[in-house]
Amino acid sequence: MLTRWIERVFDDRYALLRQILLVLSGVIFLLTRDEPDDPYTTLDLVFAFTAFALFPVGVRWPLAGVVAQSTVFGAALCFGSVAPVVPQVGATWAAFELSMRRPARQVAMGVAVLATAHLLGYLGEPLAIALPTWLYGVAIGCVPVLIGMNIRASRQLARQAEQRVTVEARAARAGERSAIARELHDLVAHHVASMVLRVGVARHVLRDADPRVTEVFDDLHASGTTALADLRRLVAVLRDPASLRDGQTYLPIDPGTLLDALAAAVDRAAKTGLRVAASIDPALSDLDAVRGLAVLRLTQEGLTNVAKHAGPAARARVSVRMADGAVHWEITDDGGGVRAPHAEPGHGLTGMRERVEVLGGRLVAGPAGTGWRLHTVLPAAVRS
């Protein structure tokens, strides 16, 4: 707790606050000083308040702040009537701020200027007296500098540790992506490619088959080819995320083809035997790519669930419309004459919920009459 408090107090963001508090303490010192035999003259007060006025300089330009404060301190030593406590504290504190916030070269320059200012107070005195006193004053003045350098070094070590953690996390994620890419390529893509090849062979061999069979083969071949292309693109992105340009996201469809993709999804579901009525808002053509992909995937998964749980004899209705920038999406079915058309939710419905929640929506799924209803509202995209 104490360490965190110290870190916050000496954070660069609070440099101005530290200077203000120091100025207030200096003003209190001047107001409460009670030494009638050694009063402050007008010139001493000028030096003190000049030191106060220079504190903001050290916030923006720490090295310039040390030079300015040291100059005032040296002048107060030479021309003042009393011990220049306020200018000395100002110069020492400026050196402390410099050591916390700037590299060693600038710190060395600031310490040299401060040491020179200390030396001005001993001009004209015997060397045997002046040198030990000057060295003592410089040593005392260097203590805050050493503390500041220690704080700066601790911050650098903390940043380096954070960077190492970040690098290790990235390496771990890269390893996971590579493992997933290998599995997709070696297992899923291999089997999909095999199925596409076999369907192609069947189409070639069964040229004189029933047109309805040929139509199914054509649809299977097209679907498999598309799925294989998407898998290959996904594997490429997993292996090399840098292949995407800045700000892009992996999208297996082009943003401008959403209406056609939705129509194809509905048509593919109808070919399985489902009777699908679709109401697609033409305004979806201007939908952003991220929500557009979500709408397409929700529609594909929703219709798949209808065919799986309600059977090919079911009637389904797809409704997608825009309202005030939000997407209202819904799929309903009549259950196909089955009393319990949908069983316990599986991974498909879980994935749909996760996709919707990422975009700030909430998927509602449950019985509706004799069938099932899926509904969500994808909020309007936030514009930066």
Protein backbone atom coordinates (compact mmCIF):
# COMPACT_ATOMS: atom_id res chain seq x y z
CA MET A 1 0.00 0.00 0.00
CA LEU A 2 2.78 2.43 0.98
CA THR A 3 4.72 1.62 -2.20
CA ARG A 4 1.70 2.33 -4.37
CA TRP A 5 1.09 5.61 -2.55
CA ILE A 6 4.69 6.68 -3.11
CA GLU A 7 4.49 5.73 -6.78
CA ARG A 8 1.37 7.87 -7.20
CA VAL A 9 2.86 10.84 -5.35
CA PHE A 10 5.93 10.86 -7.58
CA ASP A 11 4.10 10.09 -10.81
CA ASP A 12 4.96 12.51 -13.64
CA ARG A 13 1.28 13.35 -14.00
CA TYR A 14 1.30 14.94 -10.54
CA ALA A 15 4.45 17.06 -10.98
CA LEU A 16 2.47 20.31 -10.97
CA LEU A 17 0.59 19.27 -7.83
CA ARG A 18 3.88 18.52 -6.09
CA GLN A 19 5.21 21.97 -7.03
CA ILE A 20 2.04 23.69 -5.76
CA LEU A 21 2.26 21.90 -2.42
CA LEU A 22 5.92 22.89 -2.13
CA VAL A 23 5.08 26.54 -2.85
CA LEU A 24 2.38 26.47 -0.17
CA SER A 25 4.82 25.03 2.35
CA GLY A 26 7.32 27.77 1.45
CA VAL A 27 4.73 30.50 1.93
CA ILE A 28 3.80 29.03 5.30
CA PHE A 29 7.51 29.03 6.23
CA LEU A 30 7.81 32.73 5.41
CA LEU A 31 4.65 33.63 7.29
CA THR A 32 5.58 31.68 10.43
CA ARG A 33 9.28 32.58 10.51
CA ASP A 34 9.95 34.36 13.79
CA GLU A 35 13.50 35.68 13.92
CA PRO A 36 13.38 39.40 14.73
CA ASP A 37 17.19 39.65 14.91
CA ASP A 38 17.58 38.30 11.36
CA PRO A 39 14.62 39.65 9.33
CA TYR A 40 14.03 39.19 5.63
CA THR A 41 14.81 42.24 3.55
CA THR A 42 12.89 43.23 0.45
CA LEU A 43 15.61 41.67 -1.71
CA ASP A 44 15.40 38.39 0.23
CA LEU A 45 11.66 38.30 -0.35
CA VAL A 46 12.21 39.00 -4.04
CA PHE A 47 14.52 35.99 -4.28
CA ALA A 48 12.04 33.79 -2.37
CA PHE A 49 9.03 34.72 -4.49
CA THR A 50 11.09 34.48 -7.68
CA ALA A 51 11.83 30.88 -6.66
CA PHE A 52 8.09 30.33 -6.18
CA ALA A 53 7.33 31.74 -9.60
CA LEU A 54 9.90 29.47 -11.28
CA PHE A 55 8.37 26.21 -9.98
CA PRO A 56 6.03 25.81 -13.01
CA VAL A 57 9.08 25.99 -15.30
CA GLY A 58 10.38 22.77 -13.78
CA VAL A 59 7.11 21.02 -14.57
CA ARG A 60 7.45 21.56 -18.32
CA TRP A 61 11.23 21.84 -18.68
CA PRO A 62 13.02 20.15 -15.73
CA LEU A 63 16.57 21.06 -16.81
CA ALA A 64 15.65 24.70 -17.42
CA GLY A 65 13.97 24.68 -14.02
CA VAL A 66 17.18 23.55 -12.32
CA VAL A 67 19.24 26.22 -14.11
CA ALA A 68 16.77 28.98 -13.23
CA GLN A 69 16.35 27.94 -9.59
CA SER A 70 20.11 27.52 -9.15
CA THR A 71 20.68 30.98 -10.59
CA VAL A 72 18.26 32.48 -8.06
CA PHE A 73 19.90 30.47 -5.28
CA GLY A 74 23.38 31.66 -6.27
CA ALA A 75 22.22 35.28 -6.45
CA ALA A 76 20.58 34.98 -3.02
CA LEU A 77 23.84 33.62 -1.59
CA CYS A 78 25.80 36.54 -3.02
CA PHE A 79 23.42 39.45 -2.40
CA GLY A 80 20.91 38.30 0.22
CA SER A 81 21.00 39.20 3.90
CA VAL A 82 19.76 35.90 5.38
CA ALA A 83 20.19 32.23 4.64
CA PRO A 84 18.32 31.62 1.34
CA VAL A 85 16.23 28.68 2.55
CA VAL A 86 13.46 29.02 -0.02
CA PRO A 87 15.76 29.40 -3.07
CA GLN A 88 17.94 26.52 -1.85
CA VAL A 89 14.94 24.21 -1.39
CA GLY A 90 13.65 25.32 -4.80
CA ALA A 91 16.93 24.48 -6.55
CA THR A 92 17.30 21.16 -4.74
CA TRP A 93 13.71 20.15 -5.48
CA ALA A 94 14.15 21.11 -9.13
CA ALA A 95 17.19 18.81 -9.28
CA PHE A 96 15.10 16.07 -7.69
CA GLU A 97 12.36 16.46 -10.33
CA LEU A 98 15.02 16.45 -13.06
CA SER A 99 16.58 13.21 -11.79
CA MET A 100 13.16 11.48 -11.77
CA ARG A 101 12.13 12.53 -15.26
CA ARG A 102 15.20 12.96 -17.45
CA PRO A 103 18.23 10.84 -18.51
CA ALA A 104 21.58 10.80 -16.74
CA ARG A 105 23.27 13.38 -19.02
CA GLN A 106 20.74 16.07 -18.16
CA VAL A 107 20.90 15.11 -14.48
CA ALA A 108 24.69 15.55 -14.50
CA MET A 109 24.32 18.99 -16.08
CA GLY A 110 21.76 20.02 -13.48
CA VAL A 111 23.92 18.80 -10.59
CA ALA A 112 26.90 20.73 -11.99
CA VAL A 113 24.85 23.94 -12.15
CA LEU A 114 23.55 23.41 -8.61
CA ALA A 115 27.08 22.74 -7.29
CA THR A 116 28.29 25.94 -8.95
CA ALA A 117 25.51 27.90 -7.29
CA HIS A 118 26.56 26.46 -3.91
CA LEU A 119 30.13 27.57 -4.59
CA LEU A 120 29.09 31.23 -5.01
CA GLY A 121 28.28 31.47 -1.32
CA TYR A 122 31.87 30.76 -0.31
CA LEU A 123 33.70 33.19 -2.56
CA GLY A 124 36.25 35.22 -0.61
CA GLU A 125 36.46 32.75 2.29
CA PRO A 126 39.63 30.73 3.10
CA LEU A 127 39.83 27.49 1.14
CA ALA A 128 40.34 25.39 4.26
CA ILE A 129 36.96 26.56 5.57
CA ALA A 130 35.05 26.93 2.33
CA LEU A 131 35.93 23.58 0.69
CA PRO A 132 34.65 21.21 3.43
CA THR A 133 31.49 23.28 3.91
CA TRP A 134 30.88 23.42 0.17
CA LEU A 135 31.41 19.67 -0.22
CA TYR A 136 29.01 19.03 2.64
CA GLY A 137 26.36 21.27 1.08
CA VAL A 138 26.78 19.58 -2.32
CA ALA A 139 26.56 16.12 -0.75
CA ILE A 140 23.36 17.05 1.09
CA GLY A 141 21.95 18.49 -2.15
CA CYS A 142 22.77 15.29 -4.03
CA VAL A 143 20.72 13.08 -1.70
CA PRO A 144 17.39 14.05 -3.34
CA VAL A 145 19.03 13.58 -6.74
CA LEU A 146 20.05 10.03 -5.84
CA ILE A 147 16.52 9.31 -4.58
CA GLY A 148 15.07 10.65 -7.82
CA MET A 149 17.43 8.52 -9.92
CA ASN A 150 16.43 5.47 -7.89
CA ILE A 151 12.74 6.18 -8.51
CA ARG A 152 13.41 6.60 -12.24
CA ALA A 153 15.41 3.35 -12.38
CA SER A 154 12.59 1.52 -10.57
CA ARG A 155 10.10 2.83 -13.11
CA GLN A 156 12.28 1.69 -15.98
CA LEU A 157 12.59 -1.79 -14.48
CA ALA A 158 8.81 -1.94 -14.02
CA ARG A 159 8.25 -0.90 -17.64
CA GLN A 160 10.75 -3.48 -18.85
CA ALA A 161 9.00 -6.16 -16.79
CA GLU A 162 5.65 -5.17 -18.31
CA GLN A 163 7.19 -5.28 -21.78
CA ARG A 164 8.58 -8.75 -21.11
CA VAL A 165 5.18 -9.94 -19.94
CA THR A 166 3.60 -8.47 -23.07
CA VAL A 167 6.17 -10.10 -25.34
CA GLU A 168 5.73 -13.46 -23.61
CA ALA A 169 1.95 -13.19 -23.87
CA ARG A 170 2.21 -12.38 -27.57
CA ALA A 171 4.53 -15.32 -28.09
CA ALA A 172 2.09 -17.60 -26.26
CA ARG A 173 -0.81 -16.34 -28.38
CA ALA A 174 1.26 -16.82 -31.52
CA GLY A 175 1.99 -20.38 -30.46
CA GLU A 176 -1.69 -21.04 -29.83
CA ARG A 177 -2.62 -19.55 -33.21
CA SER A 178 -0.04 -21.72 -34.93
CA ALA A 179 -1.37 -24.83 -33.18
CA ILE A 180 -4.95 -23.97 -34.17
CA ALA A 181 -3.82 -23.27 -37.73
CA ARG A 182 -2.12 -26.66 -37.93
CA GLU A 183 -5.22 -28.42 -36.65
CA LEU A 184 -7.47 -26.55 -39.08
CA HIS A 185 -5.16 -27.31 -41.98
CA ASP A 186 -4.33 -30.91 -41.12
CA LEU A 187 -7.75 -32.02 -39.92
CA VAL A 188 -10.67 -29.82 -40.93
CA ALA A 189 -9.38 -28.46 -44.22
CA HIS A 190 -8.13 -31.90 -45.24
CA HIS A 191 -11.54 -33.49 -44.71
CA VAL A 192 -13.41 -30.64 -46.36
CA ALA A 193 -11.11 -30.84 -49.37
CA SER A 194 -11.68 -34.59 -49.51
CA MET A 195 -15.46 -34.13 -49.45
CA VAL A 196 -15.34 -31.49 -52.17
CA LEU A 197 -13.21 -33.79 -54.31
CA ARG A 198 -15.57 -36.74 -53.85
CA VAL A 199 -18.63 -34.65 -54.66
CA GLY A 200 -16.84 -33.47 -57.79
CA VAL A 201 -16.17 -37.06 -58.78
CA ALA A 202 -19.80 -37.97 -58.14
CA ARG A 203 -20.96 -35.10 -60.34
CA HIS A 204 -18.69 -36.34 -63.11
CA VAL A 205 -19.69 -39.98 -62.81
CA LEU A 206 -23.44 -39.44 -62.38
CA ARG A 207 -23.95 -37.11 -65.30
CA ASP A 208 -27.30 -38.70 -66.19
CA ALA A 209 -28.68 -38.67 -62.64
CA ASP A 210 -31.97 -37.10 -61.64
CA PRO A 211 -31.71 -33.28 -61.98
CA ARG A 212 -32.67 -32.94 -58.34
CA VAL A 213 -29.68 -35.08 -57.34
CA THR A 214 -27.44 -33.07 -59.63
CA GLU A 215 -28.70 -29.87 -58.02
CA VAL A 216 -27.83 -31.24 -54.57
CA PHE A 217 -24.35 -32.22 -55.78
CA ASP A 218 -23.84 -28.75 -57.25
CA ASP A 219 -24.91 -27.10 -54.02
CA LEU A 220 -22.67 -29.38 -51.93
CA HIS A 221 -19.72 -28.72 -54.21
CA ALA A 222 -20.23 -24.93 -54.11
CA SER A 223 -20.70 -24.91 -50.32
CA GLY A 224 -17.64 -27.08 -49.76
CA THR A 225 -15.51 -24.97 -52.09
CA THR A 226 -16.55 -21.78 -50.28
CA ALA A 227 -15.92 -23.34 -46.87
CA LEU A 228 -12.49 -24.53 -47.98
CA ALA A 229 -11.57 -21.05 -49.24
CA ASP A 230 -12.68 -19.53 -45.92
CA LEU A 231 -10.66 -22.08 -43.98
CA ARG A 232 -7.55 -21.36 -46.01
CA ARG A 233 -7.93 -17.62 -45.45
CA LEU A 234 -8.44 -18.19 -41.72
CA VAL A 235 -5.39 -20.43 -41.50
CA ALA A 236 -3.32 -17.76 -43.28
CA VAL A 237 -4.45 -15.11 -40.82
CA LEU A 238 -3.80 -17.35 -37.81
CA ARG A 239 -0.27 -18.04 -39.00
CA ASP A 240 0.49 -14.42 -39.91
CA PRO A 241 -1.80 -11.83 -38.27
CA ALA A 242 0.40 -9.08 -39.75
CA SER A 243 -0.96 -10.01 -43.17
CA LEU A 244 -4.00 -7.91 -42.28
CA ARG A 245 -3.60 -4.20 -42.77
CA ASP A 246 -3.95 -1.84 -39.79
CA GLY A 247 -7.48 -1.63 -38.46
CA GLN A 248 -8.75 -4.62 -40.46
CA THR A 249 -10.49 -7.68 -39.13
CA TYR A 250 -10.69 -11.10 -40.73
CA LEU A 251 -13.90 -11.10 -42.76
CA PRO A 252 -14.75 -14.08 -44.97
CA ILE A 253 -17.20 -11.94 -46.99
CA ASP A 254 -16.81 -8.58 -48.63
CA PRO A 255 -18.79 -5.88 -46.81
CA GLY A 256 -20.76 -4.94 -49.94
CA THR A 257 -22.10 -8.41 -50.61
CA LEU A 258 -24.19 -8.92 -47.47
CA LEU A 259 -27.58 -8.92 -49.20
CA ASP A 260 -26.43 -11.51 -51.73
CA ALA A 261 -24.86 -13.61 -48.97
CA LEU A 262 -28.08 -13.55 -46.94
CA ALA A 263 -30.11 -14.49 -50.01
CA ALA A 264 -27.71 -17.38 -50.67
CA ALA A 265 -28.06 -18.57 -47.06
CA VAL A 266 -31.85 -18.54 -47.34
CA ASP A 267 -31.73 -20.31 -50.71
CA ARG A 268 -29.38 -22.97 -49.34
CA ALA A 269 -31.75 -23.61 -46.41
CA ALA A 270 -34.70 -23.90 -48.84
CA LYS A 271 -32.80 -26.54 -50.79
CA THR A 272 -32.73 -28.71 -47.68
CA GLY A 273 -36.55 -28.75 -47.73
CA LEU A 274 -37.29 -25.86 -45.37
CA ARG A 275 -39.96 -23.43 -46.42
CA VAL A 276 -38.33 -20.09 -45.66
CA ALA A 277 -39.96 -16.67 -45.88
CA ALA A 278 -37.38 -13.90 -45.77
CA SER A 279 -37.80 -10.18 -45.14
CA ILE A 280 -34.44 -8.49 -45.65
CA ASP A 281 -34.17 -4.71 -45.37
CA PRO A 282 -32.30 -3.26 -48.39
CA ALA A 283 -30.72 -0.75 -45.99
CA LEU A 284 -28.45 -3.58 -44.83
CA SER A 285 -26.29 -2.92 -47.89
CA ASP A 286 -24.80 0.04 -45.98
CA LEU A 287 -24.18 -1.93 -42.78
CA ASP A 288 -20.65 -1.93 -41.38
CA ALA A 289 -18.60 -5.05 -42.05
CA VAL A 290 -18.43 -6.33 -38.46
CA ARG A 291 -22.18 -6.28 -37.81
CA GLY A 292 -22.79 -7.47 -41.37
CA LEU A 293 -20.72 -10.57 -40.75
CA ALA A 294 -22.58 -11.14 -37.47
CA VAL A 295 -25.96 -10.94 -39.22
CA LEU A 296 -24.83 -13.43 -41.86
CA ARG A 297 -23.44 -15.92 -39.33
CA LEU A 298 -26.51 -15.63 -37.11
CA THR A 299 -28.77 -16.29 -40.10
CA GLN A 300 -26.75 -19.29 -41.27
CA GLU A 301 -26.60 -20.82 -37.78
CA GLY A 302 -30.24 -20.05 -37.05
CA LEU A 303 -31.50 -21.73 -40.21
CA THR A 304 -29.20 -24.68 -39.57
CA ASN A 305 -30.75 -25.06 -36.12
CA VAL A 306 -34.25 -24.98 -37.59
CA ALA A 307 -33.38 -27.77 -40.04
CA LYS A 308 -31.66 -29.77 -37.31
CA HIS A 309 -34.27 -29.52 -34.57
CA ALA A 310 -37.58 -28.86 -36.35
CA GLY A 311 -36.89 -30.99 -39.42
CA PRO A 312 -36.98 -30.26 -43.14
CA ALA A 313 -40.77 -29.94 -43.14
CA ALA A 314 -40.73 -26.86 -40.92
CA ARG A 315 -41.69 -23.37 -41.94
CA ALA A 316 -39.24 -20.65 -41.00
CA ARG A 317 -39.29 -16.87 -41.22
CA VAL A 318 -36.21 -14.65 -41.37
CA SER A 319 -36.60 -10.96 -40.61
CA VAL A 320 -33.72 -8.48 -40.69
CA ARG A 321 -34.40 -4.76 -40.62
CA MET A 322 -32.67 -1.50 -39.75
CA ALA A 323 -34.13 1.02 -37.29
CA ASP A 324 -32.26 4.10 -36.05
CA GLY A 325 -28.93 2.50 -36.93
CA ALA A 326 -29.66 -0.70 -34.98
CA VAL A 327 -30.16 -4.11 -36.60
CA HIS A 328 -33.28 -6.03 -35.58
CA TRP A 329 -32.75 -9.70 -36.41
CA GLU A 330 -35.21 -12.56 -35.91
CA ILE A 331 -35.76 -16.15 -36.98
CA THR A 332 -38.92 -18.07 -36.07
CA ASP A 333 -40.20 -21.52 -37.02
CA ASP A 334 -43.41 -23.48 -36.54
CA GLY A 335 -41.69 -26.57 -35.14
CA GLY A 336 -42.46 -28.73 -38.18
CA GLY A 337 -45.21 -30.52 -36.26
CA VAL A 338 -42.76 -31.55 -33.52
CA ARG A 339 -43.82 -30.70 -29.97
CA ALA A 340 -40.29 -30.02 -28.69
CA PRO A 341 -38.50 -28.70 -31.76
CA HIS A 342 -35.34 -27.57 -29.97
CA ALA A 343 -33.33 -29.51 -27.43
CA GLU A 344 -30.88 -28.20 -24.88
CA PRO A 345 -28.71 -25.43 -26.40
CA GLY A 346 -25.42 -26.62 -27.86
CA HIS A 347 -22.23 -24.92 -28.98
CA GLY A 348 -24.01 -23.26 -31.93
CA LEU A 349 -26.39 -21.26 -29.75
CA THR A 350 -23.57 -20.46 -27.32
CA GLY A 351 -21.46 -19.13 -30.15
CA MET A 352 -24.38 -17.01 -31.37
CA ARG A 353 -24.80 -15.50 -27.91
CA GLU A 354 -21.10 -14.71 -27.66
CA ARG A 355 -21.08 -13.06 -31.09
CA VAL A 356 -24.07 -10.90 -30.17
CA GLU A 357 -22.72 -9.92 -26.75
CA VAL A 358 -19.42 -8.78 -28.25
CA LEU A 359 -21.40 -6.26 -30.30
CA GLY A 360 -23.37 -5.04 -27.29
CA GLY A 361 -26.57 -6.99 -27.91
CA ARG A 362 -28.42 -9.82 -26.20
CA LEU A 363 -29.71 -12.95 -27.89
CA VAL A 364 -33.19 -14.08 -26.83
CA ALA A 365 -33.94 -17.74 -27.57
CA GLY A 366 -36.96 -19.74 -26.51
CA PRO A 367 -40.21 -21.47 -27.44
CA ALA A 368 -42.78 -19.53 -29.44
CA GLY A 369 -46.07 -21.37 -29.92
CA THR A 370 -45.28 -24.77 -31.39
CA GLY A 371 -41.90 -23.62 -32.65
CA TRP A 372 -38.86 -21.61 -31.65
CA ARG A 373 -37.81 -17.97 -31.80
CA LEU A 374 -34.38 -16.35 -31.97
CA HIS A 375 -34.24 -12.58 -31.65
CA THR A 376 -31.64 -9.89 -31.05
CA VAL A 377 -30.95 -6.21 -31.59
CA LEU A 378 -27.43 -5.22 -32.59
CA PRO A 379 -26.92 -1.62 -31.40
CA ALA A 380 -25.76 1.08 -33.77
CA ALA A 381 -22.01 1.07 -34.32
CA VAL A 382 -20.15 3.63 -32.23
CA ARG A 383 -18.49 6.23 -34.42
CA SER A 384 -15.20 7.69 -33.28
